[in-house]
Amino acid sequence: MYLVHVHLRAPEGAAFPEAAGEAVRRLARPEEGIEHVVDRLRAPAGPVLGVYVLADGLHQAEARAALACGRALAGIPAFRGWTLAGAEVPLVSAFWE
């Protein structure tokens, strides 16, 4: 299982939609392997969704998270005008030391 951070860009003045993580998970397709979505994470560049994905590899997990979140941005009215800025598995430096 991979944790993919999906970075979002909000339109000017937009609030983060309530229960966004649950909405993304509900719209995910079974073959995408989306297990759980954590919303309201904050990063210096803006809001982030934490998407837990079952996948055979890192790139597949990132692609699946981006696809599911892109579908949610297009299909959830509260996300109208939001864009997906990126989807990546964060590196944990302590692991490599």
PDB file of N, CA and C in Angstrom:
ATOM      1  N   MET A   1       0.860  -1.175   0.000  1.00  0.00           N
ATOM      2  CA  MET A   1       0.000   0.000   0.000  1.00  0.00           C
ATOM      3  C   MET A   1       0.900   1.229   0.000  1.00  0.00           C
ATOM      4  N   TYR A   2       0.475   2.216  -0.751  1.00  0.00           N
ATOM      5  CA  TYR A   2       1.209   3.471  -0.874  1.00  0.00           C
ATOM      6  C   TYR A   2       0.338   4.622  -0.381  1.00  0.00           C
ATOM      7  N   LEU A   3       0.985   5.610   0.217  1.00  0.00           N
ATOM      8  CA  LEU A   3       0.319   6.870   0.553  1.00  0.00           C
ATOM      9  C   LEU A   3       0.742   7.880  -0.500  1.00  0.00           C
ATOM     10  N   VAL A   4      -0.218   8.343  -1.278  1.00  0.00           N
ATOM     11  CA  VAL A   4       0.054   9.321  -2.332  1.00  0.00           C
ATOM     12  C   VAL A   4      -0.505  10.660  -1.890  1.00  0.00           C
ATOM     13  N   HIS A   5       0.325  11.696  -1.946  1.00  0.00           N
ATOM     14  CA  HIS A   5      -0.146  13.049  -1.673  1.00  0.00           C
ATOM     15  C   HIS A   5      -0.599  13.666  -2.987  1.00  0.00           C
ATOM     16  N   VAL A   6      -1.874  14.024  -3.040  1.00  0.00           N
ATOM     17  CA  VAL A   6      -2.431  14.672  -4.228  1.00  0.00           C
ATOM     18  C   VAL A   6      -2.585  16.155  -3.901  1.00  0.00           C
ATOM     19  N   HIS A   7      -1.794  16.970  -4.578  1.00  0.00           N
ATOM     20  CA  HIS A   7      -1.780  18.413  -4.349  1.00  0.00           C
ATOM     21  C   HIS A   7      -2.846  19.080  -5.217  1.00  0.00           C
ATOM     22  N   LEU A   8      -3.605  19.960  -4.594  1.00  0.00           N
ATOM     23  CA  LEU A   8      -4.710  20.634  -5.271  1.00  0.00           C
ATOM     24  C   LEU A   8      -4.494  22.137  -5.304  1.00  0.00           C
ATOM     25  N   ARG A   9      -5.070  22.779  -6.304  1.00  0.00           N
ATOM     26  CA  ARG A   9      -5.102  24.246  -6.377  1.00  0.00           C
ATOM     27  C   ARG A   9      -6.555  24.677  -6.349  1.00  0.00           C
ATOM     28  N   ALA A  10      -6.848  25.576  -5.435  1.00  0.00           N
ATOM     29  CA  ALA A  10      -8.217  26.066  -5.275  1.00  0.00           C
ATOM     30  C   ALA A  10      -8.405  27.367  -6.043  1.00  0.00           C
ATOM     31  N   PRO A  11      -9.609  27.599  -6.523  1.00  0.00           N
ATOM     32  CA  PRO A  11      -9.886  28.912  -7.107  1.00  0.00           C
ATOM     33  C   PRO A  11      -9.863  29.961  -5.987  1.00  0.00           C
ATOM     34  N   GLU A  12      -9.647  31.167  -6.350  1.00  0.00           N
ATOM     35  CA  GLU A  12      -9.579  32.281  -5.389  1.00  0.00           C
ATOM     36  C   GLU A  12     -10.763  32.263  -4.438  1.00  0.00           C
ATOM     37  N   GLY A  13     -10.477  32.232  -3.148  1.00  0.00           N
ATOM     38  CA  GLY A  13     -11.515  32.319  -2.126  1.00  0.00           C
ATOM     39  C   GLY A  13     -12.297  31.050  -1.859  1.00  0.00           C
ATOM     40  N   ALA A  14     -11.946  29.939  -2.504  1.00  0.00           N
ATOM     41  CA  ALA A  14     -12.698  28.692  -2.316  1.00  0.00           C
ATOM     42  C   ALA A  14     -12.322  28.019  -1.003  1.00  0.00           C
ATOM     43  N   ALA A  15     -13.315  27.483  -0.335  1.00  0.00           N
ATOM     44  CA  ALA A  15     -13.098  26.715   0.888  1.00  0.00           C
ATOM     45  C   ALA A  15     -12.954  25.239   0.526  1.00  0.00           C
ATOM     46  N   PHE A  16     -12.212  24.513   1.357  1.00  0.00           N
ATOM     47  CA  PHE A  16     -12.048  23.085   1.118  1.00  0.00           C
ATOM     48  C   PHE A  16     -13.385  22.400   1.341  1.00  0.00           C
ATOM     49  N   PRO A  17     -13.868  21.610   0.375  1.00  0.00           N
ATOM     50  CA  PRO A  17     -15.180  20.965   0.511  1.00  0.00           C
ATOM     51  C   PRO A  17     -15.255  20.037   1.721  1.00  0.00           C
ATOM     52  N   GLU A  18     -16.387  20.049   2.389  1.00  0.00           N
ATOM     53  CA  GLU A  18     -16.622  19.142   3.507  1.00  0.00           C
ATOM     54  C   GLU A  18     -16.606  17.694   3.018  1.00  0.00           C
ATOM     55  N   ALA A  19     -16.038  16.816   3.816  1.00  0.00           N
ATOM     56  CA  ALA A  19     -15.996  15.375   3.537  1.00  0.00           C
ATOM     57  C   ALA A  19     -15.437  15.061   2.147  1.00  0.00           C
ATOM     58  N   ALA A  20     -14.473  15.841   1.705  1.00  0.00           N
ATOM     59  CA  ALA A  20     -13.898  15.636   0.371  1.00  0.00           C
ATOM     60  C   ALA A  20     -13.243  14.264   0.248  1.00  0.00           C
ATOM     61  N   GLY A  21     -12.532  13.843   1.274  1.00  0.00           N
ATOM     62  CA  GLY A  21     -11.866  12.548   1.222  1.00  0.00           C
ATOM     63  C   GLY A  21     -12.844  11.409   1.014  1.00  0.00           C
ATOM     64  N   GLU A  22     -13.928  11.433   1.741  1.00  0.00           N
ATOM     65  CA  GLU A  22     -14.943  10.382   1.607  1.00  0.00           C
ATOM     66  C   GLU A  22     -15.579  10.423   0.218  1.00  0.00           C
ATOM     67  N   ALA A  23     -15.799  11.616  -0.306  1.00  0.00           N
ATOM     68  CA  ALA A  23     -16.383  11.746  -1.649  1.00  0.00           C
ATOM     69  C   ALA A  23     -15.438  11.173  -2.705  1.00  0.00           C
ATOM     70  N   VAL A  24     -14.142  11.446  -2.572  1.00  0.00           N
ATOM     71  CA  VAL A  24     -13.166  10.898  -3.528  1.00  0.00           C
ATOM     72  C   VAL A  24     -13.172   9.373  -3.443  1.00  0.00           C
ATOM     73  N   ARG A  25     -13.161   8.828  -2.245  1.00  0.00           N
ATOM     74  CA  ARG A  25     -13.155   7.373  -2.080  1.00  0.00           C
ATOM     75  C   ARG A  25     -14.402   6.722  -2.683  1.00  0.00           C
ATOM     76  N   ARG A  26     -15.540   7.354  -2.503  1.00  0.00           N
ATOM     77  CA  ARG A  26     -16.783   6.806  -3.066  1.00  0.00           C
ATOM     78  C   ARG A  26     -16.764   6.784  -4.596  1.00  0.00           C
ATOM     79  N   LEU A  27     -16.116   7.767  -5.204  1.00  0.00           N
ATOM     80  CA  LEU A  27     -16.061   7.834  -6.670  1.00  0.00           C
ATOM     81  C   LEU A  27     -14.970   6.943  -7.274  1.00  0.00           C
ATOM     82  N   ALA A  28     -14.068   6.449  -6.437  1.00  0.00           N
ATOM     83  CA  ALA A  28     -12.995   5.586  -6.943  1.00  0.00           C
ATOM     84  C   ALA A  28     -13.579   4.261  -7.427  1.00  0.00           C
ATOM     85  N   ARG A  29     -12.958   3.724  -8.442  1.00  0.00           N
ATOM     86  CA  ARG A  29     -13.390   2.436  -8.999  1.00  0.00           C
ATOM     87  C   ARG A  29     -12.625   1.305  -8.304  1.00  0.00           C
ATOM     88  N   PRO A  30     -13.248   0.159  -8.139  1.00  0.00           N
ATOM     89  CA  PRO A  30     -12.582  -0.941  -7.426  1.00  0.00           C
ATOM     90  C   PRO A  30     -11.189  -1.275  -7.963  1.00  0.00           C
ATOM     91  N   GLU A  31     -11.023  -1.248  -9.272  1.00  0.00           N
ATOM     92  CA  GLU A  31      -9.729  -1.606  -9.866  1.00  0.00           C
ATOM     93  C   GLU A  31      -8.630  -0.577  -9.585  1.00  0.00           C
ATOM     94  N   GLU A  32      -8.995   0.601  -9.062  1.00  0.00           N
ATOM     95  CA  GLU A  32      -7.987   1.619  -8.742  1.00  0.00           C
ATOM     96  C   GLU A  32      -7.308   1.361  -7.398  1.00  0.00           C
ATOM     97  N   GLY A  33      -7.884   0.517  -6.575  1.00  0.00           N
ATOM     98  CA  GLY A  33      -7.247   0.145  -5.318  1.00  0.00           C
ATOM     99  C   GLY A  33      -7.215   1.239  -4.263  1.00  0.00           C
ATOM    100  N   ILE A  34      -8.122   2.193  -4.335  1.00  0.00           N
ATOM    101  CA  ILE A  34      -8.154   3.280  -3.347  1.00  0.00           C
ATOM    102  C   ILE A  34      -8.786   2.728  -2.066  1.00  0.00           C
ATOM    103  N   GLU A  35      -8.016   2.710  -0.990  1.00  0.00           N
ATOM    104  CA  GLU A  35      -8.478   2.157   0.276  1.00  0.00           C
ATOM    105  C   GLU A  35      -9.028   3.215   1.224  1.00  0.00           C
ATOM    106  N   HIS A  36      -8.404   4.380   1.238  1.00  0.00           N
ATOM    107  CA  HIS A  36      -8.778   5.424   2.206  1.00  0.00           C
ATOM    108  C   HIS A  36      -8.261   6.756   1.681  1.00  0.00           C
ATOM    109  N   VAL A  37      -8.991   7.831   2.002  1.00  0.00           N
ATOM    110  CA  VAL A  37      -8.546   9.176   1.605  1.00  0.00           C
ATOM    111  C   VAL A  37      -8.673  10.096   2.807  1.00  0.00           C
ATOM    112  N   VAL A  38      -7.581  10.778   3.123  1.00  0.00           N
ATOM    113  CA  VAL A  38      -7.553  11.743   4.213  1.00  0.00           C
ATOM    114  C   VAL A  38      -7.594  13.132   3.596  1.00  0.00           C
ATOM    115  N   ASP A  39      -8.528  13.952   4.054  1.00  0.00           N
ATOM    116  CA  ASP A  39      -8.610  15.300   3.484  1.00  0.00           C
ATOM    117  C   ASP A  39      -8.148  16.350   4.493  1.00  0.00           C
ATOM    118  N   ARG A  40      -8.114  17.562   4.015  1.00  0.00           N
ATOM    119  CA  ARG A  40      -7.742  18.737   4.801  1.00  0.00           C
ATOM    120  C   ARG A  40      -6.294  18.755   5.266  1.00  0.00           C
ATOM    121  N   LEU A  41      -5.430  18.064   4.576  1.00  0.00           N
ATOM    122  CA  LEU A  41      -4.011  18.187   4.859  1.00  0.00           C
ATOM    123  C   LEU A  41      -3.544  19.516   4.278  1.00  0.00           C
ATOM    124  N   ARG A  42      -2.584  20.120   4.917  1.00  0.00           N
ATOM    125  CA  ARG A  42      -2.065  21.400   4.434  1.00  0.00           C
ATOM    126  C   ARG A  42      -0.580  21.280   4.119  1.00  0.00           C
ATOM    127  N   ALA A  43      -0.193  21.892   3.050  1.00  0.00           N
ATOM    128  CA  ALA A  43       1.204  21.963   2.647  1.00  0.00           C
ATOM    129  C   ALA A  43       1.480  23.415   2.263  1.00  0.00           C
ATOM    130  N   PRO A  44       2.742  23.806   2.217  1.00  0.00           N
ATOM    131  CA  PRO A  44       3.045  25.201   1.849  1.00  0.00           C
ATOM    132  C   PRO A  44       2.419  25.638   0.524  1.00  0.00           C
ATOM    133  N   ALA A  45       2.280  24.702  -0.413  1.00  0.00           N
ATOM    134  CA  ALA A  45       1.730  25.060  -1.732  1.00  0.00           C
ATOM    135  C   ALA A  45       0.212  24.985  -1.791  1.00  0.00           C
ATOM    136  N   GLY A  46      -0.460  24.494  -0.722  1.00  0.00           N
ATOM    137  CA  GLY A  46      -1.914  24.429  -0.738  1.00  0.00           C
ATOM    138  C   GLY A  46      -2.449  23.126  -0.196  1.00  0.00           C
ATOM    139  N   PRO A  47      -3.750  22.883  -0.393  1.00  0.00           N
ATOM    140  CA  PRO A  47      -4.390  21.689   0.151  1.00  0.00           C
ATOM    141  C   PRO A  47      -3.883  20.398  -0.481  1.00  0.00           C
ATOM    142  N   VAL A  48      -3.918  19.341   0.320  1.00  0.00           N
ATOM    143  CA  VAL A  48      -3.438  18.033  -0.116  1.00  0.00           C
ATOM    144  C   VAL A  48      -4.426  16.968   0.347  1.00  0.00           C
ATOM    145  N   LEU A  49      -4.686  16.005  -0.525  1.00  0.00           N
ATOM    146  CA  LEU A  49      -5.427  14.800  -0.143  1.00  0.00           C
ATOM    147  C   LEU A  49      -4.414  13.682   0.037  1.00  0.00           C
ATOM    148  N   GLY A  50      -4.527  12.936   1.116  1.00  0.00           N
ATOM    149  CA  GLY A  50      -3.691  11.759   1.329  1.00  0.00           C
ATOM    150  C   GLY A  50      -4.464  10.544   0.870  1.00  0.00           C
ATOM    151  N   VAL A  51      -4.010   9.900  -0.196  1.00  0.00           N
ATOM    152  CA  VAL A  51      -4.738   8.787  -0.798  1.00  0.00           C
ATOM    153  C   VAL A  51      -3.937   7.499  -0.581  1.00  0.00           C
ATOM    154  N   TYR A  52      -4.545   6.545   0.133  1.00  0.00           N
ATOM    155  CA  TYR A  52      -3.930   5.244   0.370  1.00  0.00           C
ATOM    156  C   TYR A  52      -4.368   4.304  -0.747  1.00  0.00           C
ATOM    157  N   VAL A  53      -3.370   3.795  -1.479  1.00  0.00           N
ATOM    158  CA  VAL A  53      -3.635   3.033  -2.700  1.00  0.00           C
ATOM    159  C   VAL A  53      -2.933   1.676  -2.669  1.00  0.00           C
ATOM    160  N   LEU A  54      -3.667   0.629  -3.015  1.00  0.00           N
ATOM    161  CA  LEU A  54      -3.059  -0.677  -3.249  1.00  0.00           C
ATOM    162  C   LEU A  54      -2.609  -0.701  -4.707  1.00  0.00           C
ATOM    163  N   ALA A  55      -1.316  -0.969  -4.919  1.00  0.00           N
ATOM    164  CA  ALA A  55      -0.783  -0.970  -6.287  1.00  0.00           C
ATOM    165  C   ALA A  55       0.468  -1.838  -6.333  1.00  0.00           C
ATOM    166  N   ASP A  56       0.868  -2.215  -7.551  1.00  0.00           N
ATOM    167  CA  ASP A  56       2.062  -3.031  -7.741  1.00  0.00           C
ATOM    168  C   ASP A  56       3.345  -2.220  -7.689  1.00  0.00           C
ATOM    169  N   GLY A  57       3.241  -0.914  -7.775  1.00  0.00           N
ATOM    170  CA  GLY A  57       4.432  -0.077  -7.741  1.00  0.00           C
ATOM    171  C   GLY A  57       4.089   1.385  -7.509  1.00  0.00           C
ATOM    172  N   LEU A  58       5.118   2.154  -7.234  1.00  0.00           N
ATOM    173  CA  LEU A  58       4.970   3.570  -6.917  1.00  0.00           C
ATOM    174  C   LEU A  58       4.289   4.349  -8.039  1.00  0.00           C
ATOM    175  N   HIS A  59       4.741   4.177  -9.255  1.00  0.00           N
ATOM    176  CA  HIS A  59       4.167   4.946 -10.370  1.00  0.00           C
ATOM    177  C   HIS A  59       2.697   4.584 -10.609  1.00  0.00           C
ATOM    178  N   GLN A  60       2.379   3.309 -10.456  1.00  0.00           N
ATOM    179  CA  GLN A  60       0.988   2.889 -10.612  1.00  0.00           C
ATOM    180  C   GLN A  60       0.126   3.518  -9.518  1.00  0.00           C
ATOM    181  N   ALA A  61       0.625   3.559  -8.294  1.00  0.00           N
ATOM    182  CA  ALA A  61      -0.124   4.166  -7.187  1.00  0.00           C
ATOM    183  C   ALA A  61      -0.366   5.647  -7.446  1.00  0.00           C
ATOM    184  N   GLU A  62       0.654   6.352  -7.902  1.00  0.00           N
ATOM    185  CA  GLU A  62       0.502   7.784  -8.190  1.00  0.00           C
ATOM    186  C   GLU A  62      -0.508   8.015  -9.309  1.00  0.00           C
ATOM    187  N   ALA A  63      -0.435   7.207 -10.340  1.00  0.00           N
ATOM    188  CA  ALA A  63      -1.361   7.356 -11.467  1.00  0.00           C
ATOM    189  C   ALA A  63      -2.794   7.069 -11.033  1.00  0.00           C
ATOM    190  N   ARG A  64      -2.990   6.031 -10.232  1.00  0.00           N
ATOM    191  CA  ARG A  64      -4.336   5.687  -9.779  1.00  0.00           C
ATOM    192  C   ARG A  64      -4.918   6.784  -8.887  1.00  0.00           C
ATOM    193  N   ALA A  65      -4.104   7.331  -7.989  1.00  0.00           N
ATOM    194  CA  ALA A  65      -4.573   8.405  -7.106  1.00  0.00           C
ATOM    195  C   ALA A  65      -4.943   9.641  -7.930  1.00  0.00           C
ATOM    196  N   ALA A  66      -4.106   9.982  -8.903  1.00  0.00           N
ATOM    197  CA  ALA A  66      -4.387  11.146  -9.752  1.00  0.00           C
ATOM    198  C   ALA A  66      -5.675  10.941 -10.550  1.00  0.00           C
ATOM    199  N   LEU A  67      -5.863   9.753 -11.076  1.00  0.00           N
ATOM    200  CA  LEU A  67      -7.064   9.466 -11.862  1.00  0.00           C
ATOM    201  C   LEU A  67      -8.324   9.590 -11.005  1.00  0.00           C
ATOM    202  N   ALA A  68      -8.306   8.977  -9.825  1.00  0.00           N
ATOM    203  CA  ALA A  68      -9.476   9.028  -8.936  1.00  0.00           C
ATOM    204  C   ALA A  68      -9.762  10.456  -8.474  1.00  0.00           C
ATOM    205  N   CYS A  69      -8.719  11.199  -8.131  1.00  0.00           N
ATOM    206  CA  CYS A  69      -8.937  12.582  -7.675  1.00  0.00           C
ATOM    207  C   CYS A  69      -9.364  13.488  -8.821  1.00  0.00           C
ATOM    208  N   GLY A  70      -8.830  13.258 -10.007  1.00  0.00           N
ATOM    209  CA  GLY A  70      -9.265  14.028 -11.170  1.00  0.00           C
ATOM    210  C   GLY A  70     -10.735  13.814 -11.467  1.00  0.00           C
ATOM    211  N   ARG A  71     -11.189  12.571 -11.324  1.00  0.00           N
ATOM    212  CA  ARG A  71     -12.603  12.267 -11.517  1.00  0.00           C
ATOM    213  C   ARG A  71     -13.445  13.012 -10.479  1.00  0.00           C
ATOM    214  N   ALA A  72     -12.965  13.049  -9.247  1.00  0.00           N
ATOM    215  CA  ALA A  72     -13.698  13.748  -8.185  1.00  0.00           C
ATOM    216  C   ALA A  72     -13.750  15.252  -8.446  1.00  0.00           C
ATOM    217  N   LEU A  73     -12.650  15.833  -8.900  1.00  0.00           N
ATOM    218  CA  LEU A  73     -12.641  17.268  -9.196  1.00  0.00           C
ATOM    219  C   LEU A  73     -13.645  17.595 -10.296  1.00  0.00           C
ATOM    220  N   ALA A  74     -13.785  16.694 -11.251  1.00  0.00           N
ATOM    221  CA  ALA A  74     -14.725  16.918 -12.353  1.00  0.00           C
ATOM    222  C   ALA A  74     -16.166  16.627 -11.963  1.00  0.00           C
ATOM    223  N   GLY A  75     -16.370  15.734 -10.987  1.00  0.00           N
ATOM    224  CA  GLY A  75     -17.724  15.282 -10.702  1.00  0.00           C
ATOM    225  C   GLY A  75     -18.376  15.805  -9.442  1.00  0.00           C
ATOM    226  N   ILE A  76     -17.613  16.433  -8.576  1.00  0.00           N
ATOM    227  CA  ILE A  76     -18.159  16.941  -7.322  1.00  0.00           C
ATOM    228  C   ILE A  76     -18.354  18.450  -7.446  1.00  0.00           C
ATOM    229  N   PRO A  77     -19.589  18.929  -7.390  1.00  0.00           N
ATOM    230  CA  PRO A  77     -19.835  20.358  -7.585  1.00  0.00           C
ATOM    231  C   PRO A  77     -19.013  21.273  -6.665  1.00  0.00           C
ATOM    232  N   ALA A  78     -18.756  20.858  -5.438  1.00  0.00           N
ATOM    233  CA  ALA A  78     -17.981  21.698  -4.513  1.00  0.00           C
ATOM    234  C   ALA A  78     -16.535  21.877  -4.964  1.00  0.00           C
ATOM    235  N   PHE A  79     -16.058  21.014  -5.863  1.00  0.00           N
ATOM    236  CA  PHE A  79     -14.693  21.128  -6.392  1.00  0.00           C
ATOM    237  C   PHE A  79     -14.646  21.880  -7.725  1.00  0.00           C
ATOM    238  N   ARG A  80     -15.736  22.476  -8.141  1.00  0.00           N
ATOM    239  CA  ARG A  80     -15.746  23.197  -9.410  1.00  0.00           C
ATOM    240  C   ARG A  80     -14.675  24.293  -9.393  1.00  0.00           C
ATOM    241  N   GLY A  81     -13.818  24.290 -10.386  1.00  0.00           N
ATOM    242  CA  GLY A  81     -12.754  25.279 -10.495  1.00  0.00           C
ATOM    243  C   GLY A  81     -11.442  24.851  -9.860  1.00  0.00           C
ATOM    244  N   TRP A  82     -11.435  23.771  -9.093  1.00  0.00           N
ATOM    245  CA  TRP A  82     -10.205  23.266  -8.496  1.00  0.00           C
ATOM    246  C   TRP A  82      -9.419  22.509  -9.554  1.00  0.00           C
ATOM    247  N   THR A  83      -8.087  22.465  -9.400  1.00  0.00           N
ATOM    248  CA  THR A  83      -7.242  21.709 -10.321  1.00  0.00           C
ATOM    249  C   THR A  83      -6.295  20.810  -9.534  1.00  0.00           C
ATOM    250  N   LEU A  84      -5.869  19.752 -10.188  1.00  0.00           N
ATOM    251  CA  LEU A  84      -4.912  18.824  -9.619  1.00  0.00           C
ATOM    252  C   LEU A  84      -3.521  19.309  -9.990  1.00  0.00           C
ATOM    253  N   ALA A  85      -2.704  19.601  -8.984  1.00  0.00           N
ATOM    254  CA  ALA A  85      -1.366  20.136  -9.227  1.00  0.00           C
ATOM    255  C   ALA A  85      -0.295  19.053  -9.259  1.00  0.00           C
ATOM    256  N   GLY A  86      -0.614  17.874  -8.765  1.00  0.00           N
ATOM    257  CA  GLY A  86       0.360  16.785  -8.784  1.00  0.00           C
ATOM    258  C   GLY A  86      -0.047  15.670  -7.850  1.00  0.00           C
ATOM    259  N   ALA A  87       0.529  14.494  -8.076  1.00  0.00           N
ATOM    260  CA  ALA A  87       0.271  13.336  -7.224  1.00  0.00           C
ATOM    261  C   ALA A  87       1.588  12.595  -7.066  1.00  0.00           C
ATOM    262  N   GLU A  88       2.050  12.491  -5.825  1.00  0.00           N
ATOM    263  CA  GLU A  88       3.344  11.851  -5.607  1.00  0.00           C
ATOM    264  C   GLU A  88       3.421  11.193  -4.242  1.00  0.00           C
ATOM    265  N   VAL A  89       4.154  10.110  -4.196  1.00  0.00           N
ATOM    266  CA  VAL A  89       4.445   9.464  -2.931  1.00  0.00           C
ATOM    267  C   VAL A  89       5.557  10.275  -2.285  1.00  0.00           C
ATOM    268  N   PRO A  90       5.326  10.798  -1.068  1.00  0.00           N
ATOM    269  CA  PRO A  90       6.367  11.613  -0.432  1.00  0.00           C
ATOM    270  C   PRO A  90       7.539  10.744   0.013  1.00  0.00           C
ATOM    271  N   LEU A  91       8.737  11.268  -0.150  1.00  0.00           N
ATOM    272  CA  LEU A  91       9.928  10.577   0.326  1.00  0.00           C
ATOM    273  C   LEU A  91      10.069  10.829   1.821  1.00  0.00           C
ATOM    274  N   VAL A  92      10.413   9.810   2.553  1.00  0.00           N
ATOM    275  CA  VAL A  92      10.631   9.943   3.985  1.00  0.00           C
ATOM    276  C   VAL A  92      12.137   9.804   4.210  1.00  0.00           C
ATOM    277  N   SER A  93      12.811  10.920   4.453  1.00  0.00           N
ATOM    278  CA  SER A  93      14.265  10.924   4.520  1.00  0.00           C
ATOM    279  C   SER A  93      14.814  10.050   5.637  1.00  0.00           C
ATOM    280  N   ALA A  94      14.132   9.961   6.771  1.00  0.00           N
ATOM    281  CA  ALA A  94      14.638   9.154   7.885  1.00  0.00           C
ATOM    282  C   ALA A  94      14.777   7.685   7.488  1.00  0.00           C
ATOM    283  N   PHE A  95      13.936   7.226   6.588  1.00  0.00           N
ATOM    284  CA  PHE A  95      13.983   5.847   6.126  1.00  0.00           C
ATOM    285  C   PHE A  95      15.297   5.559   5.415  1.00  0.00           C
ATOM    286  N   TRP A  96      15.815   6.548   4.700  1.00  0.00           N
ATOM    287  CA  TRP A  96      17.018   6.343   3.884  1.00  0.00           C
ATOM    288  C   TRP A  96      18.304   6.584   4.646  1.00  0.00           C
ATOM    289  N   GLU A  97      18.200   7.111   5.852  1.00  0.00           N
ATOM    290  CA  GLU A  97      19.433   7.415   6.630  1.00  0.00           C
ATOM    291  C   GLU A  97      19.926   6.226   7.403  1.00  0.00           C
TER     292      GLU A  97
END
